PDB file of N, CA and C in Angstrom:
ATOM      1  N   UNK A   1     101.937 124.961  83.357  1.00  0.00           N
ATOM      2  CA  UNK A   1     101.257 124.196  82.337  1.00  0.00           C
ATOM      3  C   UNK A   1     101.776 122.770  82.372  1.00  0.00           C
ATOM      4  N   UNK A   2     100.886 121.817  82.248  1.00  0.00           N
ATOM      5  CA  UNK A   2     101.250 120.412  82.283  1.00  0.00           C
ATOM      6  C   UNK A   2     101.504 119.939  80.876  1.00  0.00           C
ATOM      7  N   UNK A   3     102.635 119.314  80.671  1.00  0.00           N
ATOM      8  CA  UNK A   3     102.973 118.786  79.356  1.00  0.00           C
ATOM      9  C   UNK A   3     102.511 117.352  79.248  1.00  0.00           C
ATOM     10  N   UNK A   4     101.989 116.993  78.108  1.00  0.00           N
ATOM     11  CA  UNK A   4     101.551 115.619  77.875  1.00  0.00           C
ATOM     12  C   UNK A   4     102.774 114.754  77.585  1.00  0.00           C
ATOM     13  N   UNK A   5     102.797 113.496  78.065  1.00  0.00           N
ATOM     14  CA  UNK A   5     103.925 112.625  77.783  1.00  0.00           C
ATOM     15  C   UNK A   5     103.950 112.233  76.315  1.00  0.00           C
ATOM     16  N   UNK A   6     105.137 112.011  75.804  1.00  0.00           N
ATOM     17  CA  UNK A   6     105.318 111.564  74.437  1.00  0.00           C
ATOM     18  C   UNK A   6     104.869 110.113  74.348  1.00  0.00           C
ATOM     19  N   UNK A   7     103.894 109.826  73.486  1.00  0.00           N
ATOM     20  CA  UNK A   7     103.371 108.469  73.401  1.00  0.00           C
ATOM     21  C   UNK A   7     104.299 107.536  72.649  1.00  0.00           C
ATOM     22  N   UNK A   8     105.106 108.051  71.775  1.00  0.00           N
ATOM     23  CA  UNK A   8     106.022 107.195  71.028  1.00  0.00           C
ATOM     24  C   UNK A   8     105.277 106.204  70.163  1.00  0.00           C
ATOM     25  N   UNK A   9     106.004 105.336  69.506  1.00  0.00           N
ATOM     26  CA  UNK A   9     105.408 104.371  68.592  1.00  0.00           C
ATOM     27  C   UNK A   9     104.674 103.254  69.315  1.00  0.00           C
ATOM     28  N   UNK A  10     105.110 102.918  70.522  1.00  0.00           N
ATOM     29  CA  UNK A  10     104.522 101.772  71.212  1.00  0.00           C
ATOM     30  C   UNK A  10     103.331 102.126  72.090  1.00  0.00           C
ATOM     31  N   UNK A  11     102.986 103.415  72.206  1.00  0.00           N
ATOM     32  CA  UNK A  11     101.834 103.818  73.011  1.00  0.00           C
ATOM     33  C   UNK A  11     102.034 103.610  74.494  1.00  0.00           C
ATOM     34  N   UNK A  12     103.280 103.563  74.966  1.00  0.00           N
ATOM     35  CA  UNK A  12     103.569 103.300  76.375  1.00  0.00           C
ATOM     36  C   UNK A  12     102.968 104.347  77.300  1.00  0.00           C
ATOM     37  N   UNK A  13     102.902 105.582  76.866  1.00  0.00           N
ATOM     38  CA  UNK A  13     102.343 106.625  77.728  1.00  0.00           C
ATOM     39  C   UNK A  13     100.868 106.377  77.977  1.00  0.00           C
ATOM     40  N   UNK A  14     100.156 105.863  76.985  1.00  0.00           N
ATOM     41  CA  UNK A  14      98.746 105.556  77.164  1.00  0.00           C
ATOM     42  C   UNK A  14      98.535 104.486  78.218  1.00  0.00           C
ATOM     43  N   UNK A  15      99.371 103.445  78.201  1.00  0.00           N
ATOM     44  CA  UNK A  15      99.228 102.401  79.210  1.00  0.00           C
ATOM     45  C   UNK A  15      99.644 102.907  80.580  1.00  0.00           C
ATOM     46  N   UNK A  16     100.643 103.775  80.645  1.00  0.00           N
ATOM     47  CA  UNK A  16     101.048 104.357  81.928  1.00  0.00           C
ATOM     48  C   UNK A  16      99.934 105.230  82.476  1.00  0.00           C
ATOM     49  N   UNK A  17      99.291 105.996  81.616  1.00  0.00           N
ATOM     50  CA  UNK A  17      98.182 106.851  82.052  1.00  0.00           C
ATOM     51  C   UNK A  17      97.040 105.990  82.574  1.00  0.00           C
ATOM     52  N   UNK A  18      96.764 104.871  81.925  1.00  0.00           N
ATOM     53  CA  UNK A  18      95.696 103.980  82.388  1.00  0.00           C
ATOM     54  C   UNK A  18      96.011 103.441  83.776  1.00  0.00           C
ATOM     55  N   UNK A  19      97.275 103.165  84.054  1.00  0.00           N
ATOM     56  CA  UNK A  19      97.671 102.657  85.363  1.00  0.00           C
ATOM     57  C   UNK A  19      97.570 103.728  86.432  1.00  0.00           C
ATOM     58  N   UNK A  20      97.570 104.980  86.051  1.00  0.00           N
ATOM     59  CA  UNK A  20      97.544 106.070  87.009  1.00  0.00           C
ATOM     60  C   UNK A  20      96.144 106.642  87.189  1.00  0.00           C
ATOM     61  N   UNK A  21      95.126 105.898  86.785  1.00  0.00           N
ATOM     62  CA  UNK A  21      93.755 106.371  86.906  1.00  0.00           C
ATOM     63  C   UNK A  21      93.292 106.524  88.343  1.00  0.00           C
ATOM     64  N   UNK A  22      94.062 106.043  89.322  1.00  0.00           N
ATOM     65  CA  UNK A  22      93.654 106.199  90.705  1.00  0.00           C
ATOM     66  C   UNK A  22      93.648 107.655  91.119  1.00  0.00           C
ATOM     67  N   UNK A  23      94.281 108.499  90.331  1.00  0.00           N
ATOM     68  CA  UNK A  23      94.249 109.936  90.613  1.00  0.00           C
ATOM     69  C   UNK A  23      93.051 110.505  89.881  1.00  0.00           C
ATOM     70  N   UNK A  24      91.973 110.721  90.599  1.00  0.00           N
ATOM     71  CA  UNK A  24      90.715 111.161  90.007  1.00  0.00           C
ATOM     72  C   UNK A  24      90.652 112.648  89.762  1.00  0.00           C
ATOM     73  N   UNK A  25      89.497 113.072  89.381  1.00  0.00           N
ATOM     74  CA  UNK A  25      89.239 114.467  89.069  1.00  0.00           C
ATOM     75  C   UNK A  25      89.584 115.370  90.240  1.00  0.00           C
ATOM     76  N   UNK A  26      90.456 116.321  90.001  1.00  0.00           N
ATOM     77  CA  UNK A  26      90.814 117.288  91.027  1.00  0.00           C
ATOM     78  C   UNK A  26      91.554 116.707  92.210  1.00  0.00           C
ATOM     79  N   UNK A  27      92.093 115.507  92.059  1.00  0.00           N
ATOM     80  CA  UNK A  27      92.787 114.859  93.162  1.00  0.00           C
ATOM     81  C   UNK A  27      94.031 115.645  93.548  1.00  0.00           C
ATOM     82  N   UNK A  28      94.369 115.564  94.845  1.00  0.00           N
ATOM     83  CA  UNK A  28      95.574 116.230  95.335  1.00  0.00           C
ATOM     84  C   UNK A  28      96.620 115.161  95.621  1.00  0.00           C
ATOM     85  N   UNK A  29      97.837 115.421  95.165  1.00  0.00           N
ATOM     86  CA  UNK A  29      98.969 114.533  95.385  1.00  0.00           C
ATOM     87  C   UNK A  29     100.026 115.300  96.166  1.00  0.00           C
ATOM     88  N   UNK A  30     100.503 114.695  97.254  1.00  0.00           N
ATOM     89  CA  UNK A  30     101.569 115.278  98.060  1.00  0.00           C
ATOM     90  C   UNK A  30     102.897 114.720  97.564  1.00  0.00           C
ATOM     91  N   UNK A  31     103.840 115.589  97.279  1.00  0.00           N
ATOM     92  CA  UNK A  31     105.189 115.185  96.895  1.00  0.00           C
ATOM     93  C   UNK A  31     106.080 115.509  98.089  1.00  0.00           C
ATOM     94  N   UNK A  32     106.570 114.455  98.757  1.00  0.00           N
ATOM     95  CA  UNK A  32     107.329 114.624  99.998  1.00  0.00           C
ATOM     96  C   UNK A  32     108.794 114.245  99.798  1.00  0.00           C
ATOM     97  N   UNK A  33     109.667 115.203 100.078  1.00  0.00           N
ATOM     98  CA  UNK A  33     111.106 114.970 100.004  1.00  0.00           C
ATOM     99  C   UNK A  33     111.793 116.169 100.655  1.00  0.00           C
ATOM    100  N   UNK A  34     112.753 115.913 101.499  1.00  0.00           N
ATOM    101  CA  UNK A  34     113.470 116.987 102.177  1.00  0.00           C
ATOM    102  C   UNK A  34     114.499 117.671 101.308  1.00  0.00           C
ATOM    103  N   UNK A  35     114.863 117.076 100.191  1.00  0.00           N
ATOM    104  CA  UNK A  35     115.849 117.636  99.273  1.00  0.00           C
ATOM    105  C   UNK A  35     115.103 118.419  98.185  1.00  0.00           C
ATOM    106  N   UNK A  36     115.201 119.739  98.228  1.00  0.00           N
ATOM    107  CA  UNK A  36     114.419 120.594  97.325  1.00  0.00           C
ATOM    108  C   UNK A  36     114.660 120.310  95.832  1.00  0.00           C
ATOM    109  N   UNK A  37     115.907 120.172  95.368  1.00  0.00           N
ATOM    110  CA  UNK A  37     116.105 119.891  93.937  1.00  0.00           C
ATOM    111  C   UNK A  37     115.512 118.537  93.515  1.00  0.00           C
ATOM    112  N   UNK A  38     115.657 117.533  94.363  1.00  0.00           N
ATOM    113  CA  UNK A  38     115.103 116.208  94.038  1.00  0.00           C
ATOM    114  C   UNK A  38     113.569 116.274  94.037  1.00  0.00           C
ATOM    115  N   UNK A  39     113.003 117.008  94.987  1.00  0.00           N
ATOM    116  CA  UNK A  39     111.547 117.169  95.052  1.00  0.00           C
ATOM    117  C   UNK A  39     111.037 117.889  93.804  1.00  0.00           C
ATOM    118  N   UNK A  40     111.752 118.909  93.366  1.00  0.00           N
ATOM    119  CA  UNK A  40     111.360 119.652  92.163  1.00  0.00           C
ATOM    120  C   UNK A  40     111.411 118.758  90.925  1.00  0.00           C
ATOM    121  N   UNK A  41     112.436 117.924  90.819  1.00  0.00           N
ATOM    122  CA  UNK A  41     112.543 117.008  89.684  1.00  0.00           C
ATOM    123  C   UNK A  41     111.407 115.984  89.697  1.00  0.00           C
ATOM    124  N   UNK A  42     111.084 115.485  90.872  1.00  0.00           N
ATOM    125  CA  UNK A  42     109.990 114.527  91.004  1.00  0.00           C
ATOM    126  C   UNK A  42     108.659 115.190  90.644  1.00  0.00           C
ATOM    127  N   UNK A  43     108.464 116.395  91.107  1.00  0.00           N
ATOM    128  CA  UNK A  43     107.250 117.136  90.794  1.00  0.00           C
ATOM    129  C   UNK A  43     107.130 117.360  89.290  1.00  0.00           C
ATOM    130  N   UNK A  44     108.225 117.711  88.647  1.00  0.00           N
ATOM    131  CA  UNK A  44     108.219 117.907  87.199  1.00  0.00           C
ATOM    132  C   UNK A  44     107.823 116.618  86.485  1.00  0.00           C
ATOM    133  N   UNK A  45     108.386 115.498  86.910  1.00  0.00           N
ATOM    134  CA  UNK A  45     108.068 114.201  86.305  1.00  0.00           C
ATOM    135  C   UNK A  45     106.591 113.853  86.493  1.00  0.00           C
ATOM    136  N   UNK A  46     106.084 114.060  87.691  1.00  0.00           N
ATOM    137  CA  UNK A  46     104.680 113.725  87.969  1.00  0.00           C
ATOM    138  C   UNK A  46     103.714 114.605  87.191  1.00  0.00           C
ATOM    139  N   UNK A  47     104.029 115.888  87.037  1.00  0.00           N
ATOM    140  CA  UNK A  47     103.128 116.770  86.290  1.00  0.00           C
ATOM    141  C   UNK A  47     103.067 116.381  84.818  1.00  0.00           C
ATOM    142  N   UNK A  48     104.106 115.723  84.322  1.00  0.00           N
ATOM    143  CA  UNK A  48     104.104 115.256  82.940  1.00  0.00           C
ATOM    144  C   UNK A  48     103.315 113.961  82.777  1.00  0.00           C
ATOM    145  N   UNK A  49     103.207 113.183  83.844  1.00  0.00           N
ATOM    146  CA  UNK A  49     102.609 111.848  83.745  1.00  0.00           C
ATOM    147  C   UNK A  49     101.168 111.733  84.239  1.00  0.00           C
ATOM    148  N   UNK A  50     100.795 112.566  85.193  1.00  0.00           N
ATOM    149  CA  UNK A  50      99.459 112.457  85.768  1.00  0.00           C
ATOM    150  C   UNK A  50      98.491 113.395  85.054  1.00  0.00           C
ATOM    151  N   UNK A  51      97.196 113.139  85.160  1.00  0.00           N
ATOM    152  CA  UNK A  51      96.213 113.996  84.483  1.00  0.00           C
ATOM    153  C   UNK A  51      96.397 115.466  84.857  1.00  0.00           C
ATOM    154  N   UNK A  52      96.117 116.345  83.913  1.00  0.00           N
ATOM    155  CA  UNK A  52      96.386 117.771  84.134  1.00  0.00           C
ATOM    156  C   UNK A  52      95.518 118.379  85.229  1.00  0.00           C
ATOM    157  N   UNK A  53      94.419 117.759  85.570  1.00  0.00           N
ATOM    158  CA  UNK A  53      93.568 118.296  86.647  1.00  0.00           C
ATOM    159  C   UNK A  53      94.092 117.941  88.045  1.00  0.00           C
ATOM    160  N   UNK A  54      95.172 117.168  88.106  1.00  0.00           N
ATOM    161  CA  UNK A  54      95.762 116.792  89.388  1.00  0.00           C
ATOM    162  C   UNK A  54      96.412 118.010  90.036  1.00  0.00           C
ATOM    163  N   UNK A  55      96.139 118.214  91.318  1.00  0.00           N
ATOM    164  CA  UNK A  55      96.759 119.305  92.075  1.00  0.00           C
ATOM    165  C   UNK A  55      97.913 118.720  92.887  1.00  0.00           C
ATOM    166  N   UNK A  56      99.016 119.421  92.948  1.00  0.00           N
ATOM    167  CA  UNK A  56     100.199 118.971  93.671  1.00  0.00           C
ATOM    168  C   UNK A  56     100.517 119.924  94.810  1.00  0.00           C
ATOM    169  N   UNK A  57     100.923 119.347  95.932  1.00  0.00           N
ATOM    170  CA  UNK A  57     101.441 120.133  97.048  1.00  0.00           C
ATOM    171  C   UNK A  57     102.752 119.486  97.476  1.00  0.00           C
ATOM    172  N   UNK A  58     103.633 120.291  98.041  1.00  0.00           N
ATOM    173  CA  UNK A  58     104.949 119.808  98.426  1.00  0.00           C
ATOM    174  C   UNK A  58     105.100 119.788  99.936  1.00  0.00           C
ATOM    175  N   UNK A  59     105.859 118.798 100.406  1.00  0.00           N
ATOM    176  CA  UNK A  59     106.154 118.690 101.833  1.00  0.00           C
ATOM    177  C   UNK A  59     107.640 118.382 101.997  1.00  0.00           C
ATOM    178  N   UNK A  60     108.284 119.128 102.895  1.00  0.00           N
ATOM    179  CA  UNK A  60     109.698 118.890 103.157  1.00  0.00           C
ATOM    180  C   UNK A  60     109.935 118.340 104.562  1.00  0.00           C
ATOM    181  N   UNK A  61     108.875 118.272 105.367  1.00  0.00           N
ATOM    182  CA  UNK A  61     109.011 117.738 106.731  1.00  0.00           C
ATOM    183  C   UNK A  61     107.924 116.713 107.000  1.00  0.00           C
ATOM    184  N   UNK A  62     108.130 115.913 108.036  1.00  0.00           N
ATOM    185  CA  UNK A  62     107.130 114.904 108.382  1.00  0.00           C
ATOM    186  C   UNK A  62     105.820 115.564 108.804  1.00  0.00           C
ATOM    187  N   UNK A  63     105.919 116.681 109.511  1.00  0.00           N
ATOM    188  CA  UNK A  63     104.712 117.382 109.962  1.00  0.00           C
ATOM    189  C   UNK A  63     103.888 117.841 108.761  1.00  0.00           C
ATOM    190  N   UNK A  64     104.541 118.444 107.782  1.00  0.00           N
ATOM    191  CA  UNK A  64     103.838 118.896 106.583  1.00  0.00           C
ATOM    192  C   UNK A  64     103.214 117.721 105.847  1.00  0.00           C
ATOM    193  N   UNK A  65     103.969 116.648 105.673  1.00  0.00           N
ATOM    194  CA  UNK A  65     103.480 115.494 104.920  1.00  0.00           C
ATOM    195  C   UNK A  65     102.257 114.877 105.588  1.00  0.00           C
ATOM    196  N   UNK A  66     102.304 114.720 106.918  1.00  0.00           N
ATOM    197  CA  UNK A  66     101.175 114.123 107.624  1.00  0.00           C
ATOM    198  C   UNK A  66      99.939 115.022 107.559  1.00  0.00           C
ATOM    199  N   UNK A  67     100.145 116.315 107.668  1.00  0.00           N
ATOM    200  CA  UNK A  67      99.008 117.233 107.612  1.00  0.00           C
ATOM    201  C   UNK A  67      98.415 117.298 106.209  1.00  0.00           C
ATOM    202  N   UNK A  68      99.267 117.400 105.202  1.00  0.00           N
ATOM    203  CA  UNK A  68      98.789 117.508 103.825  1.00  0.00           C
ATOM    204  C   UNK A  68      98.176 116.205 103.314  1.00  0.00           C
ATOM    205  N   UNK A  69      98.572 115.079 103.887  1.00  0.00           N
ATOM    206  CA  UNK A  69      98.031 113.790 103.453  1.00  0.00           C
ATOM    207  C   UNK A  69      96.528 113.714 103.707  1.00  0.00           C
ATOM    208  N   UNK A  70      96.073 114.367 104.774  1.00  0.00           N
ATOM    209  CA  UNK A  70      94.639 114.385 105.063  1.00  0.00           C
ATOM    210  C   UNK A  70      93.940 115.069 103.900  1.00  0.00           C
ATOM    211  N   UNK A  71      93.010 114.397 103.288  1.00  0.00           N
ATOM    212  CA  UNK A  71      92.282 114.958 102.161  1.00  0.00           C
ATOM    213  C   UNK A  71      92.975 114.772 100.822  1.00  0.00           C
ATOM    214  N   UNK A  72      94.132 114.120 100.811  1.00  0.00           N
ATOM    215  CA  UNK A  72      94.842 113.858  99.560  1.00  0.00           C
ATOM    216  C   UNK A  72      94.541 112.450  99.070  1.00  0.00           C
ATOM    217  N   UNK A  73      94.764 112.244  97.803  1.00  0.00           N
ATOM    218  CA  UNK A  73      94.555 110.925  97.204  1.00  0.00           C
ATOM    219  C   UNK A  73      95.814 110.069  97.296  1.00  0.00           C
ATOM    220  N   UNK A  74      96.980 110.724  97.230  1.00  0.00           N
ATOM    221  CA  UNK A  74      98.224 109.978  97.192  1.00  0.00           C
ATOM    222  C   UNK A  74      99.361 110.814  97.752  1.00  0.00           C
ATOM    223  N   UNK A  75     100.362 110.125  98.349  1.00  0.00           N
ATOM    224  CA  UNK A  75     101.603 110.757  98.770  1.00  0.00           C
ATOM    225  C   UNK A  75     102.736 110.022  98.059  1.00  0.00           C
ATOM    226  N   UNK A  76     103.565 110.773  97.357  1.00  0.00           N
ATOM    227  CA  UNK A  76     104.732 110.216  96.690  1.00  0.00           C
ATOM    228  C   UNK A  76     105.946 110.665  97.483  1.00  0.00           C
ATOM    229  N   UNK A  77     106.687 109.701  98.018  1.00  0.00           N
ATOM    230  CA  UNK A  77     107.865 109.992  98.832  1.00  0.00           C
ATOM    231  C   UNK A  77     109.102 109.801  97.962  1.00  0.00           C
ATOM    232  N   UNK A  78     109.866 110.875  97.795  1.00  0.00           N
ATOM    233  CA  UNK A  78     111.076 110.802  96.992  1.00  0.00           C
ATOM    234  C   UNK A  78     112.318 110.513  97.811  1.00  0.00           C
ATOM    235  N   UNK A  79     112.258 110.835  99.090  1.00  0.00           N
ATOM    236  CA  UNK A  79     113.407 110.634  99.966  1.00  0.00           C
ATOM    237  C   UNK A  79     113.066 111.081 101.374  1.00  0.00           C
ATOM    238  N   UNK A  80     114.054 111.081 102.228  1.00  0.00           N
ATOM    239  CA  UNK A  80     113.863 111.469 103.627  1.00  0.00           C
ATOM    240  C   UNK A  80     113.351 112.899 103.712  1.00  0.00           C
ATOM    241  N   UNK A  81     112.551 113.148 104.725  1.00  0.00           N
ATOM    242  CA  UNK A  81     112.055 114.495 105.002  1.00  0.00           C
ATOM    243  C   UNK A  81     112.622 114.933 106.342  1.00  0.00           C
ATOM    244  N   UNK A  82     112.497 116.212 106.645  1.00  0.00           N
ATOM    245  CA  UNK A  82     112.978 116.713 107.933  1.00  0.00           C
ATOM    246  C   UNK A  82     112.176 116.020 109.037  1.00  0.00           C
ATOM    247  N   UNK A  83     112.873 115.306 109.886  1.00  0.00           N
ATOM    248  CA  UNK A  83     112.236 114.636 111.010  1.00  0.00           C
ATOM    249  C   UNK A  83     111.962 113.162 110.815  1.00  0.00           C
ATOM    250  N   UNK A  84     112.205 112.633 109.617  1.00  0.00           N
ATOM    251  CA  UNK A  84     111.938 111.209 109.404  1.00  0.00           C
ATOM    252  C   UNK A  84     112.603 110.694 108.128  1.00  0.00           C
ATOM    253  N   UNK A  85     112.974 109.439 108.161  1.00  0.00           N
ATOM    254  CA  UNK A  85     113.451 108.780 106.943  1.00  0.00           C
ATOM    255  C   UNK A  85     112.238 108.517 106.050  1.00  0.00           C
ATOM    256  N   UNK A  86     112.487 108.172 104.816  1.00  0.00           N
ATOM    257  CA  UNK A  86     111.396 107.875 103.892  1.00  0.00           C
ATOM    258  C   UNK A  86     110.557 106.703 104.391  1.00  0.00           C
ATOM    259  N   UNK A  87     111.224 105.658 104.890  1.00  0.00           N
ATOM    260  CA  UNK A  87     110.474 104.489 105.363  1.00  0.00           C
ATOM    261  C   UNK A  87     109.662 104.804 106.618  1.00  0.00           C
ATOM    262  N   UNK A  88     110.189 105.644 107.504  1.00  0.00           N
ATOM    263  CA  UNK A  88     109.433 106.052 108.693  1.00  0.00           C
ATOM    264  C   UNK A  88     108.215 106.872 108.305  1.00  0.00           C
ATOM    265  N   UNK A  89     108.382 107.753 107.335  1.00  0.00           N
ATOM    266  CA  UNK A  89     107.261 108.545 106.854  1.00  0.00           C
ATOM    267  C   UNK A  89     106.193 107.633 106.253  1.00  0.00           C
ATOM    268  N   UNK A  90     106.606 106.663 105.456  1.00  0.00           N
ATOM    269  CA  UNK A  90     105.646 105.734 104.847  1.00  0.00           C
ATOM    270  C   UNK A  90     104.852 104.981 105.914  1.00  0.00           C
ATOM    271  N   UNK A  91     105.540 104.523 106.964  1.00  0.00           N
ATOM    272  CA  UNK A  91     104.847 103.806 108.049  1.00  0.00           C
ATOM    273  C   UNK A  91     103.887 104.734 108.788  1.00  0.00           C
ATOM    274  N   UNK A  92     104.318 105.959 109.068  1.00  0.00           N
ATOM    275  CA  UNK A  92     103.455 106.918 109.760  1.00  0.00           C
ATOM    276  C   UNK A  92     102.213 107.240 108.933  1.00  0.00           C
ATOM    277  N   UNK A  93     102.398 107.411 107.640  1.00  0.00           N
ATOM    278  CA  UNK A  93     101.265 107.686 106.765  1.00  0.00           C
ATOM    279  C   UNK A  93     100.290 106.512 106.734  1.00  0.00           C
ATOM    280  N   UNK A  94     100.815 105.301 106.694  1.00  0.00           N
ATOM    281  CA  UNK A  94      99.950 104.111 106.669  1.00  0.00           C
ATOM    282  C   UNK A  94      99.115 104.011 107.936  1.00  0.00           C
ATOM    283  N   UNK A  95      99.703 104.374 109.082  1.00  0.00           N
ATOM    284  CA  UNK A  95      98.962 104.325 110.349  1.00  0.00           C
ATOM    285  C   UNK A  95      97.922 105.443 110.445  1.00  0.00           C
ATOM    286  N   UNK A  96      98.316 106.657 110.095  1.00  0.00           N
ATOM    287  CA  UNK A  96      97.423 107.811 110.284  1.00  0.00           C
ATOM    288  C   UNK A  96      96.396 107.990 109.175  1.00  0.00           C
ATOM    289  N   UNK A  97      96.763 107.602 107.984  1.00  0.00           N
ATOM    290  CA  UNK A  97      95.886 107.807 106.823  1.00  0.00           C
ATOM    291  C   UNK A  97      95.840 106.519 105.987  1.00  0.00           C
ATOM    292  N   UNK A  98      95.197 105.474 106.492  1.00  0.00           N
ATOM    293  CA  UNK A  98      95.215 104.186 105.794  1.00  0.00           C
ATOM    294  C   UNK A  98      94.542 104.200 104.424  1.00  0.00           C
ATOM    295  N   UNK A  99      93.713 105.185 104.129  1.00  0.00           N
ATOM    296  CA  UNK A  99      93.044 105.247 102.829  1.00  0.00           C
ATOM    297  C   UNK A  99      93.844 105.998 101.766  1.00  0.00           C
ATOM    298  N   UNK A 100      94.944 106.609 102.168  1.00  0.00           N
ATOM    299  CA  UNK A 100      95.773 107.370 101.230  1.00  0.00           C
ATOM    300  C   UNK A 100      96.800 106.429 100.607  1.00  0.00           C
ATOM    301  N   UNK A 101      96.901 106.471  99.296  1.00  0.00           N
ATOM    302  CA  UNK A 101      97.913 105.676  98.591  1.00  0.00           C
ATOM    303  C   UNK A 101      99.286 106.296  98.866  1.00  0.00           C
ATOM    304  N   UNK A 102     100.254 105.454  99.210  1.00  0.00           N
ATOM    305  CA  UNK A 102     101.612 105.916  99.486  1.00  0.00           C
ATOM    306  C   UNK A 102     102.571 105.205  98.536  1.00  0.00           C
ATOM    307  N   UNK A 103     103.344 105.998  97.817  1.00  0.00           N
ATOM    308  CA  UNK A 103     104.363 105.465  96.915  1.00  0.00           C
ATOM    309  C   UNK A 103     105.708 105.915  97.463  1.00  0.00           C
ATOM    310  N   UNK A 104     106.509 104.961  97.912  1.00  0.00           N
ATOM    311  CA  UNK A 104     107.830 105.268  98.475  1.00  0.00           C
ATOM    312  C   UNK A 104     108.891 104.957  97.430  1.00  0.00           C
ATOM    313  N   UNK A 105     109.311 105.968  96.700  1.00  0.00           N
ATOM    314  CA  UNK A 105     110.316 105.783  95.654  1.00  0.00           C
ATOM    315  C   UNK A 105     111.709 105.580  96.225  1.00  0.00           C
ATOM    316  N   UNK A 106     111.883 105.881  97.502  1.00  0.00           N
ATOM    317  CA  UNK A 106     113.188 105.726  98.139  1.00  0.00           C
ATOM    318  C   UNK A 106     113.390 104.325  98.704  1.00  0.00           C
ATOM    319  N   UNK A 107     112.339 103.513  98.701  1.00  0.00           N
ATOM    320  CA  UNK A 107     112.449 102.158  99.255  1.00  0.00           C
ATOM    321  C   UNK A 107     113.404 101.332  98.410  1.00  0.00           C
ATOM    322  N   UNK A 108     114.240 100.529  99.069  1.00  0.00           N
ATOM    323  CA  UNK A 108     115.155  99.689  98.304  1.00  0.00           C
ATOM    324  C   UNK A 108     114.371  98.664  97.491  1.00  0.00           C
ATOM    325  N   UNK A 109     114.844  98.426  96.289  1.00  0.00           N
ATOM    326  CA  UNK A 109     114.170  97.430  95.455  1.00  0.00           C
ATOM    327  C   UNK A 109     114.757  96.059  95.745  1.00  0.00           C
ATOM    328  N   UNK A 110     113.908  95.081  95.669  1.00  0.00           N
ATOM    329  CA  UNK A 110     114.337  93.694  95.893  1.00  0.00           C
ATOM    330  C   UNK A 110     114.416  93.000  94.559  1.00  0.00           C
ATOM    331  N   UNK A 111     115.535  92.389  94.291  1.00  0.00           N
ATOM    332  CA  UNK A 111     115.673  91.683  93.016  1.00  0.00           C
ATOM    333  C   UNK A 111     115.222  90.240  93.189  1.00  0.00           C
ATOM    334  N   UNK A 112     114.588  89.735  92.137  1.00  0.00           N
ATOM    335  CA  UNK A 112     114.161  88.328  92.128  1.00  0.00           C
ATOM    336  C   UNK A 112     115.270  87.485  91.555  1.00  0.00           C
ATOM    337  N   UNK A 113     115.436  86.341  92.147  1.00  0.00           N
ATOM    338  CA  UNK A 113     116.486  85.436  91.631  1.00  0.00           C
ATOM    339  C   UNK A 113     115.877  84.181  91.124  1.00  0.00           C
TER     340      UNK A 113
END
């Protein structure tokens, strides 16, 4: 069962949901991470934030991620998978499936100065 996010007083969950509208009706999202506990935590977070009609599949290897990306709306990368680093997986996905949205949560953040 998918739990709805707590909207709180500021309505932040509503604005977050509006930003996540790219996941349409019955869309499939691939959650890719070679670390099972981290992948499970990411999956739990996504099921709370994305529309309840979103279908999720998990990938722990590059082969699984590339295959499951076909026909998916988005791939969320939590970390390295078997056979590739997170950044290598992101590049491979961009080449093979240019229409699939890729979110690399493992990418280093750049600070603005």
